Amino acid sequence: MSNFEKLLAATEDEFRSEIEQNPLIEVVAGGQMKREHYISYLRETYHMVRHTSRMLSLAGARLGDDYRELRDWFFEQVQEENNHDLFCIKDLTNLGENAEEVLAVPPKPGSWGLVAQNYYMATYGSPLGILGVASLTEGLGADLGKSMADLLKSEYGLEKNQISFIKSHAGFDARHIEDVKRAVNELLVKESDLDEVVHGRRMTIHYYGRMFRDVLASA
């Protein structure tokens, strides 16, 4: 069993209960999503992804020469993830919303927790945990992005330029999750490193599940 397979197996129960069985997923798939839900999703996602490139930069800078290849990996991801928050702004604007007003609302507990834990791992805790974060975020985009984009168009009548974040990440993340798998399988150094990755993924599942519930409560 590869490191990445061990990572998924170790967090299987949490992923099922917090993500697969999350009530927001059921609401969207069941055709019951309201406009406020989608606007809230874009807002909470914006609050989260606008920090990604800075967080990755900080994390990579803390890795010593023993982790040289992994450090390079982090810095490569900085460019890949930069400015993705602009997709959320574009989608809100094309929905006819005042993006500045929408995004002035502070992040809810789920997205706040995601940002806080990522900066903690990047600056004080173990940067390796961020691989666990990426395994969840990139995996969701790769697995759900295209189907959710198609659903938002067919079931809810949203236009292509109103779902650019989700649609674009279906393609981005399919490639990025392969990058994450390689990093987890090949670039860890010590046996205990995988424990840090597992913990990062487990906590990200928890906060992501909370973010979905925050979105559901917004309407």
Protein backbone atom coordinates (compact mmCIF):
# COMPACT_ATOMS: atom_id res chain seq x y z
CA MET A 1 0.00 0.00 0.00
CA SER A 2 1.42 3.39 -1.01
CA ASN A 3 1.65 6.33 1.37
CA PHE A 4 -1.23 8.03 -0.42
CA GLU A 5 -3.39 4.94 -0.10
CA LYS A 6 -2.57 4.79 3.62
CA LEU A 7 -3.54 8.45 3.91
CA LEU A 8 -6.97 7.85 2.38
CA ALA A 9 -7.54 4.71 4.44
CA ALA A 10 -6.65 6.46 7.70
CA THR A 11 -9.26 9.19 7.09
CA GLU A 12 -11.93 7.17 5.31
CA ASP A 13 -14.53 7.36 8.09
CA GLU A 14 -14.16 11.11 8.55
CA PHE A 15 -14.38 11.72 4.82
CA ARG A 16 -17.56 9.71 4.55
CA SER A 17 -19.35 11.39 7.45
CA GLU A 18 -18.15 14.97 6.94
CA ILE A 19 -17.97 15.23 3.14
CA GLU A 20 -19.82 12.46 1.29
CA GLN A 21 -22.80 12.56 3.68
CA ASN A 22 -22.69 16.31 4.25
CA PRO A 23 -26.19 17.81 4.11
CA LEU A 24 -25.07 20.55 1.69
CA ILE A 25 -24.10 17.93 -0.91
CA GLU A 26 -27.51 16.34 -0.53
CA VAL A 27 -29.28 19.70 -0.92
CA VAL A 28 -27.36 20.61 -4.09
CA ALA A 29 -27.74 17.16 -5.64
CA GLY A 30 -31.43 17.14 -4.75
CA GLY A 31 -32.16 20.36 -6.63
CA GLN A 32 -32.89 22.35 -3.46
CA MET A 33 -29.98 24.78 -3.50
CA LYS A 34 -30.91 28.45 -3.19
CA ARG A 35 -29.11 31.41 -4.69
CA GLU A 36 -27.96 32.40 -1.20
CA HIS A 37 -26.24 29.04 -0.79
CA TYR A 38 -24.15 29.52 -3.90
CA ILE A 39 -23.25 33.11 -3.03
CA SER A 40 -22.21 31.97 0.43
CA TYR A 41 -20.12 29.15 -1.06
CA LEU A 42 -18.27 31.62 -3.28
CA ARG A 43 -17.68 33.95 -0.33
CA GLU A 44 -16.34 31.26 2.00
CA THR A 45 -14.20 29.81 -0.79
CA TYR A 46 -12.79 33.26 -1.55
CA HIS A 47 -11.84 33.76 2.09
CA MET A 48 -10.01 30.42 2.02
CA VAL A 49 -8.20 30.39 -1.35
CA ARG A 50 -6.96 33.99 -1.28
CA HIS A 51 -4.41 32.85 1.32
CA THR A 52 -3.23 29.68 -0.40
CA SER A 53 -0.20 30.96 -2.29
CA ARG A 54 1.07 32.95 0.70
CA MET A 55 0.61 29.98 3.01
CA LEU A 56 2.48 27.68 0.63
CA SER A 57 5.33 30.19 0.39
CA LEU A 58 5.69 30.31 4.16
CA ALA A 59 5.54 26.54 4.46
CA GLY A 60 8.15 25.93 1.79
CA ALA A 61 10.51 28.45 3.37
CA ARG A 62 10.55 26.45 6.61
CA LEU A 63 11.67 23.19 4.99
CA GLY A 64 15.39 22.48 5.35
CA ASP A 65 17.75 20.86 2.89
CA ASP A 66 16.69 17.37 3.99
CA TYR A 67 13.40 18.22 2.29
CA ARG A 68 14.85 20.04 -0.67
CA GLU A 69 12.65 18.30 -3.26
CA LEU A 70 9.54 18.86 -1.20
CA ARG A 71 10.52 22.50 -0.72
CA ASP A 72 10.73 22.86 -4.50
CA TRP A 73 7.32 21.22 -4.75
CA PHE A 74 5.78 23.80 -2.42
CA PHE A 75 7.22 26.68 -4.40
CA GLU A 76 5.93 25.19 -7.66
CA GLN A 77 2.46 25.03 -6.15
CA VAL A 78 2.63 28.72 -5.21
CA GLN A 79 2.45 29.68 -8.89
CA GLU A 80 -0.22 27.10 -9.61
CA GLU A 81 -2.51 28.39 -6.85
CA ASN A 82 -1.94 32.13 -7.12
CA ASN A 83 -4.93 34.43 -7.73
CA HIS A 84 -7.59 31.71 -7.73
CA ASP A 85 -9.68 33.96 -5.52
CA LEU A 86 -10.27 36.09 -8.63
CA PHE A 87 -12.49 33.33 -10.03
CA CYS A 88 -14.83 33.81 -7.06
CA ILE A 89 -14.97 37.55 -7.65
CA LYS A 90 -15.71 36.98 -11.34
CA ASP A 91 -18.53 34.54 -10.57
CA LEU A 92 -20.14 36.88 -8.04
CA THR A 93 -19.97 39.80 -10.46
CA ASN A 94 -21.49 37.75 -13.27
CA LEU A 95 -24.29 36.73 -10.92
CA GLY A 96 -25.13 40.41 -10.62
CA GLU A 97 -23.82 40.71 -7.07
CA ASN A 98 -21.73 43.50 -5.64
CA ALA A 99 -18.64 41.38 -4.99
CA GLU A 100 -17.08 43.95 -2.67
CA GLU A 101 -20.14 43.96 -0.42
CA VAL A 102 -20.49 40.17 -0.44
CA LEU A 103 -16.84 39.59 0.40
CA ALA A 104 -16.84 42.21 3.15
CA VAL A 105 -18.76 39.70 5.29
CA PRO A 106 -16.17 37.98 7.56
CA PRO A 107 -15.46 34.27 7.09
CA LYS A 108 -17.64 31.79 8.95
CA PRO A 109 -16.11 29.23 11.38
CA GLY A 110 -15.30 26.60 8.74
CA SER A 111 -13.30 28.77 6.37
CA TRP A 112 -11.81 30.66 9.32
CA GLY A 113 -10.62 27.34 10.76
CA LEU A 114 -9.11 26.28 7.44
CA VAL A 115 -7.15 29.50 7.07
CA ALA A 116 -6.02 29.47 10.70
CA GLN A 117 -4.83 25.86 10.65
CA ASN A 118 -2.97 26.35 7.37
CA TYR A 119 -1.07 29.38 8.64
CA TYR A 120 -0.35 27.53 11.88
CA MET A 121 1.18 24.58 10.06
CA ALA A 122 3.07 26.88 7.70
CA THR A 123 4.62 29.06 10.40
CA TYR A 124 4.72 27.10 13.66
CA GLY A 125 3.51 23.51 13.29
CA SER A 126 4.53 20.97 10.68
CA PRO A 127 4.46 22.17 7.04
CA LEU A 128 4.06 18.53 6.04
CA GLY A 129 0.48 18.67 7.24
CA ILE A 130 -0.29 20.92 4.30
CA LEU A 131 0.13 17.91 2.02
CA GLY A 132 -2.87 16.49 3.86
CA VAL A 133 -4.75 19.72 3.21
CA ALA A 134 -3.93 19.52 -0.50
CA SER A 135 -4.98 15.88 -0.68
CA LEU A 136 -8.47 16.91 0.38
CA THR A 137 -8.93 20.17 -1.51
CA GLU A 138 -7.41 18.99 -4.79
CA GLY A 139 -9.18 15.64 -4.49
CA LEU A 140 -12.57 17.29 -4.09
CA GLY A 141 -12.03 19.45 -7.14
CA ALA A 142 -10.89 16.51 -9.22
CA ASP A 143 -13.71 14.19 -8.08
CA LEU A 144 -16.65 16.60 -7.83
CA GLY A 145 -15.72 19.65 -9.89
CA LYS A 146 -17.01 18.60 -13.31
CA SER A 147 -20.16 16.90 -12.05
CA MET A 148 -21.03 19.88 -9.85
CA ALA A 149 -20.39 22.33 -12.69
CA ASP A 150 -22.65 20.30 -14.97
CA LEU A 151 -25.32 20.14 -12.27
CA LEU A 152 -25.22 23.89 -11.66
CA LYS A 153 -25.81 24.47 -15.38
CA SER A 154 -28.45 21.82 -15.99
CA GLU A 155 -30.40 21.94 -12.72
CA TYR A 156 -29.98 25.56 -11.67
CA GLY A 157 -29.54 27.34 -15.00
CA LEU A 158 -26.25 29.01 -14.14
CA GLU A 159 -24.12 30.26 -17.01
CA LYS A 160 -20.55 29.21 -17.72
CA ASN A 161 -19.20 32.58 -16.59
CA GLN A 162 -21.01 32.22 -13.25
CA ILE A 163 -19.36 28.93 -12.30
CA SER A 164 -15.79 29.62 -13.38
CA PHE A 165 -14.25 28.65 -10.03
CA ILE A 166 -15.81 25.20 -9.88
CA LYS A 167 -15.50 24.52 -13.61
CA SER A 168 -11.86 25.59 -13.90
CA HIS A 169 -10.85 23.60 -10.84
CA ALA A 170 -12.26 20.44 -12.31
CA GLY A 171 -9.36 20.66 -14.76
CA PHE A 172 -6.74 22.22 -12.48
CA ASP A 173 -7.30 19.78 -9.66
CA ALA A 174 -7.27 16.65 -11.80
CA ARG A 175 -3.64 17.53 -12.53
CA HIS A 176 -2.86 18.83 -9.06
CA ILE A 177 -4.04 15.71 -7.25
CA GLU A 178 -1.48 13.71 -9.22
CA ASP A 179 1.17 16.17 -8.01
CA VAL A 180 0.00 15.64 -4.43
CA LYS A 181 0.12 11.87 -4.79
CA ARG A 182 3.71 12.06 -6.03
CA ALA A 183 4.73 14.31 -3.15
CA VAL A 184 3.12 12.06 -0.52
CA ASN A 185 4.50 8.88 -2.08
CA GLU A 186 8.00 10.04 -2.99
CA LEU A 187 9.05 13.20 -1.15
CA LEU A 188 8.54 12.36 2.53
CA VAL A 189 11.74 11.59 4.41
CA LYS A 190 10.97 10.09 7.83
CA GLU A 191 8.47 7.39 8.76
CA SER A 192 6.71 9.81 11.10
CA ASP A 193 6.17 12.30 8.27
CA LEU A 194 3.06 10.49 7.10
CA ASP A 195 1.48 10.98 10.55
CA GLU A 196 1.71 14.75 10.04
CA VAL A 197 0.08 14.46 6.60
CA VAL A 198 -2.73 12.31 8.00
CA HIS A 199 -3.43 14.82 10.75
CA GLY A 200 -3.50 17.69 8.25
CA ARG A 201 -6.00 15.85 6.07
CA ARG A 202 -8.15 14.81 9.03
CA MET A 203 -8.48 18.35 10.36
CA THR A 204 -9.12 19.74 6.87
CA ILE A 205 -11.97 17.28 6.43
CA HIS A 206 -13.40 18.51 9.73
CA TYR A 207 -13.18 22.21 8.82
CA TYR A 208 -14.35 21.65 5.24
CA GLY A 209 -17.40 19.81 6.53
CA ARG A 210 -18.08 22.74 8.83
CA MET A 211 -17.67 25.18 5.95
CA PHE A 212 -20.30 23.26 3.96
CA ARG A 213 -22.65 23.43 6.95
CA ASP A 214 -22.01 27.16 7.28
CA VAL A 215 -23.01 27.58 3.64
CA LEU A 216 -26.17 25.58 4.19
CA ALA A 217 -27.10 27.72 7.22
CA SER A 218 -26.64 30.92 5.20
CA ALA A 219 -30.10 30.57 3.67
